C-alpha atoms as a PDB file:
ATOM      1  CA  UNK A   1       0.029   0.135   0.137  1.00  0.00           C
ATOM      2  CA  UNK A   2       1.565   3.393  -0.787  1.00  0.00           C
ATOM      3  CA  UNK A   3       1.183   6.431   1.155  1.00  0.00           C
ATOM      4  CA  UNK A   4      -0.983   8.266  -1.351  1.00  0.00           C
ATOM      5  CA  UNK A   5      -3.653   5.296  -1.196  1.00  0.00           C
ATOM      6  CA  UNK A   6      -3.459   5.452   2.621  1.00  0.00           C
ATOM      7  CA  UNK A   7      -4.540   9.247   2.618  1.00  0.00           C
ATOM      8  CA  UNK A   8      -7.443   8.353   0.381  1.00  0.00           C
ATOM      9  CA  UNK A   9      -8.391   5.313   2.046  1.00  0.00           C
ATOM     10  CA  UNK A  10      -7.915   6.294   5.692  1.00  0.00           C
ATOM     11  CA  UNK A  11      -7.849  10.071   5.637  1.00  0.00           C
ATOM     12  CA  UNK A  12     -10.886  12.344   6.383  1.00  0.00           C
ATOM     13  CA  UNK A  13     -12.088  14.503   3.404  1.00  0.00           C
ATOM     14  CA  UNK A  14     -10.451  17.785   3.045  1.00  0.00           C
ATOM     15  CA  UNK A  15     -10.339  20.590   0.688  1.00  0.00           C
ATOM     16  CA  UNK A  16      -8.671  23.975   0.342  1.00  0.00           C
ATOM     17  CA  UNK A  17     -11.113  26.962  -0.218  1.00  0.00           C
ATOM     18  CA  UNK A  18     -10.443  30.872  -0.753  1.00  0.00           C
ATOM     19  CA  UNK A  19     -12.698  33.606  -0.120  1.00  0.00           C
ATOM     20  CA  UNK A  20     -13.234  34.122  -4.022  1.00  0.00           C
ATOM     21  CA  UNK A  21     -14.957  31.028  -4.251  1.00  0.00           C
ATOM     22  CA  UNK A  22     -12.260  29.031  -5.505  1.00  0.00           C
ATOM     23  CA  UNK A  23     -12.125  25.460  -3.913  1.00  0.00           C
ATOM     24  CA  UNK A  24      -9.671  22.635  -4.674  1.00  0.00           C
ATOM     25  CA  UNK A  25     -10.844  18.847  -5.276  1.00  0.00           C
ATOM     26  CA  UNK A  26     -11.601  16.762  -2.098  1.00  0.00           C
ATOM     27  CA  UNK A  27      -9.088  14.950  -1.057  1.00  0.00           C
ATOM     28  CA  UNK A  28      -7.916  12.507   2.241  1.00  0.00           C
ATOM     29  CA  UNK A  29      -5.563  13.776   4.892  1.00  0.00           C
ATOM     30  CA  UNK A  30      -5.229  13.721   8.461  1.00  0.00           C
ATOM     31  CA  UNK A  31      -6.177  16.214  10.936  1.00  0.00           C
ATOM     32  CA  UNK A  32      -5.502  15.650  14.997  1.00  0.00           C
ATOM     33  CA  UNK A  33      -5.405  17.726  17.714  1.00  0.00           C
ATOM     34  CA  UNK A  34      -2.172  18.848  19.187  1.00  0.00           C
ATOM     35  CA  UNK A  35      -1.335  17.202  22.957  1.00  0.00           C
ATOM     36  CA  UNK A  36      -0.519  20.630  25.018  1.00  0.00           C
ATOM     37  CA  UNK A  37       2.735  20.053  26.623  1.00  0.00           C
ATOM     38  CA  UNK A  38       3.638  23.549  27.367  1.00  0.00           C
ATOM     39  CA  UNK A  39       1.685  26.769  27.264  1.00  0.00           C
ATOM     40  CA  UNK A  40       2.740  27.477  23.309  1.00  0.00           C
ATOM     41  CA  UNK A  41      -0.479  27.244  21.975  1.00  0.00           C
ATOM     42  CA  UNK A  42      -2.788  28.228  24.618  1.00  0.00           C
ATOM     43  CA  UNK A  43      -4.020  31.939  23.397  1.00  0.00           C
ATOM     44  CA  UNK A  44      -7.574  32.242  22.232  1.00  0.00           C
ATOM     45  CA  UNK A  45     -10.276  34.789  21.550  1.00  0.00           C
ATOM     46  CA  UNK A  46     -13.007  36.496  23.284  1.00  0.00           C
ATOM     47  CA  UNK A  47     -16.099  36.103  21.722  1.00  0.00           C
ATOM     48  CA  UNK A  48     -19.692  37.474  22.636  1.00  0.00           C
ATOM     49  CA  UNK A  49     -20.395  34.256  24.166  1.00  0.00           C
ATOM     50  CA  UNK A  50     -17.219  33.666  25.988  1.00  0.00           C
ATOM     51  CA  UNK A  51     -13.348  32.763  25.353  1.00  0.00           C
ATOM     52  CA  UNK A  52     -12.857  30.285  22.598  1.00  0.00           C
ATOM     53  CA  UNK A  53      -9.503  28.460  22.993  1.00  0.00           C
ATOM     54  CA  UNK A  54      -8.809  28.360  19.076  1.00  0.00           C
ATOM     55  CA  UNK A  55      -7.566  24.733  18.855  1.00  0.00           C
ATOM     56  CA  UNK A  56      -4.403  24.064  17.320  1.00  0.00           C
ATOM     57  CA  UNK A  57      -3.998  20.865  15.111  1.00  0.00           C
ATOM     58  CA  UNK A  58      -1.757  18.712  13.096  1.00  0.00           C
ATOM     59  CA  UNK A  59      -2.434  18.277   9.557  1.00  0.00           C
ATOM     60  CA  UNK A  60      -0.635  15.566   7.601  1.00  0.00           C
ATOM     61  CA  UNK A  61      -1.632  15.764   3.966  1.00  0.00           C
ATOM     62  CA  UNK A  62      -0.301  14.339   0.610  1.00  0.00           C
ATOM     63  CA  UNK A  63       2.346  16.358  -1.321  1.00  0.00           C
ATOM     64  CA  UNK A  64       0.239  17.190  -4.203  1.00  0.00           C
ATOM     65  CA  UNK A  65      -2.000  19.542  -1.768  1.00  0.00           C
ATOM     66  CA  UNK A  66       0.548  21.584  -0.628  1.00  0.00           C
ATOM     67  CA  UNK A  67      -0.778  23.970   2.601  1.00  0.00           C
ATOM     68  CA  UNK A  68       2.342  26.350   2.448  1.00  0.00           C
ATOM     69  CA  UNK A  69       0.912  27.557  -1.062  1.00  0.00           C
ATOM     70  CA  UNK A  70      -2.069  29.039   0.775  1.00  0.00           C
ATOM     71  CA  UNK A  71      -2.625  32.481   0.679  1.00  0.00           C
ATOM     72  CA  UNK A  72      -3.985  35.002   3.283  1.00  0.00           C
ATOM     73  CA  UNK A  73      -7.639  34.552   1.913  1.00  0.00           C
ATOM     74  CA  UNK A  74      -7.503  30.759   1.719  1.00  0.00           C
ATOM     75  CA  UNK A  75      -8.028  28.190   4.260  1.00  0.00           C
ATOM     76  CA  UNK A  76      -8.497  24.253   4.841  1.00  0.00           C
ATOM     77  CA  UNK A  77     -11.837  23.113   5.355  1.00  0.00           C
ATOM     78  CA  UNK A  78     -12.895  19.360   7.023  1.00  0.00           C
ATOM     79  CA  UNK A  79     -16.478  18.891   7.500  1.00  0.00           C
ATOM     80  CA  UNK A  80     -17.721  21.870   9.147  1.00  0.00           C
ATOM     81  CA  UNK A  81     -14.487  22.910  10.622  1.00  0.00           C
ATOM     82  CA  UNK A  82     -12.358  25.727   8.860  1.00  0.00           C
ATOM     83  CA  UNK A  83      -8.466  26.122   9.537  1.00  0.00           C
ATOM     84  CA  UNK A  84      -5.513  28.477   8.946  1.00  0.00           C
ATOM     85  CA  UNK A  85      -2.069  27.427   8.365  1.00  0.00           C
ATOM     86  CA  UNK A  86       0.605  28.555  11.188  1.00  0.00           C
ATOM     87  CA  UNK A  87       3.551  26.809   9.980  1.00  0.00           C
ATOM     88  CA  UNK A  88       3.935  24.089   7.600  1.00  0.00           C
ATOM     89  CA  UNK A  89       6.650  21.681   6.108  1.00  0.00           C
ATOM     90  CA  UNK A  90       7.662  19.153   3.532  1.00  0.00           C
ATOM     91  CA  UNK A  91       9.004  15.597   4.462  1.00  0.00           C
ATOM     92  CA  UNK A  92      11.386  14.220   2.223  1.00  0.00           C
ATOM     93  CA  UNK A  93      12.478  10.447   1.345  1.00  0.00           C
ATOM     94  CA  UNK A  94      15.236  10.253  -1.319  1.00  0.00           C
ATOM     95  CA  UNK A  95      14.713  13.707  -2.366  1.00  0.00           C
ATOM     96  CA  UNK A  96      11.055  13.362  -3.255  1.00  0.00           C
ATOM     97  CA  UNK A  97       8.010  14.915  -1.223  1.00  0.00           C
ATOM     98  CA  UNK A  98       6.327  12.256   0.400  1.00  0.00           C
ATOM     99  CA  UNK A  99       3.888  14.219   2.736  1.00  0.00           C
ATOM    100  CA  UNK A 100       3.333  17.782   4.155  1.00  0.00           C
ATOM    101  CA  UNK A 101       2.681  18.584   7.789  1.00  0.00           C
ATOM    102  CA  UNK A 102       1.575  21.532   9.316  1.00  0.00           C
ATOM    103  CA  UNK A 103       0.189  23.057  12.497  1.00  0.00           C
ATOM    104  CA  UNK A 104      -3.112  24.728  11.720  1.00  0.00           C
ATOM    105  CA  UNK A 105      -5.545  26.749  13.866  1.00  0.00           C
ATOM    106  CA  UNK A 106      -9.146  26.513  13.950  1.00  0.00           C
ATOM    107  CA  UNK A 107     -10.993  29.633  12.553  1.00  0.00           C
ATOM    108  CA  UNK A 108     -13.062  31.319  14.941  1.00  0.00           C
ATOM    109  CA  UNK A 109     -15.771  33.470  13.093  1.00  0.00           C
ATOM    110  CA  UNK A 110     -17.451  36.072  15.320  1.00  0.00           C
ATOM    111  CA  UNK A 111     -20.536  37.512  14.271  1.00  0.00           C
END
């Protein structure tokens, strides 16, 4: 089984979207919450109904969907959740990118 087929078979449905209506094809990838070991990701946003902790997550996706190319007006979407990218890196094996990982943050929309 290849890494690409594992993303498709076991990953959740993810798409990239933009404020101009652009949308990437749906693809498989992984998003999981980060386990806090220090206070690095504990900032948040005050909303009308209280404090939102703006959860941080680890994204792992296929190399043909590179999150580092997303602009300021673009985001990651999976289900009903939207995420912005804080940091990303490509992972190589023998000079070939095999996957991309990123620290992503849930977008909190305040009315």
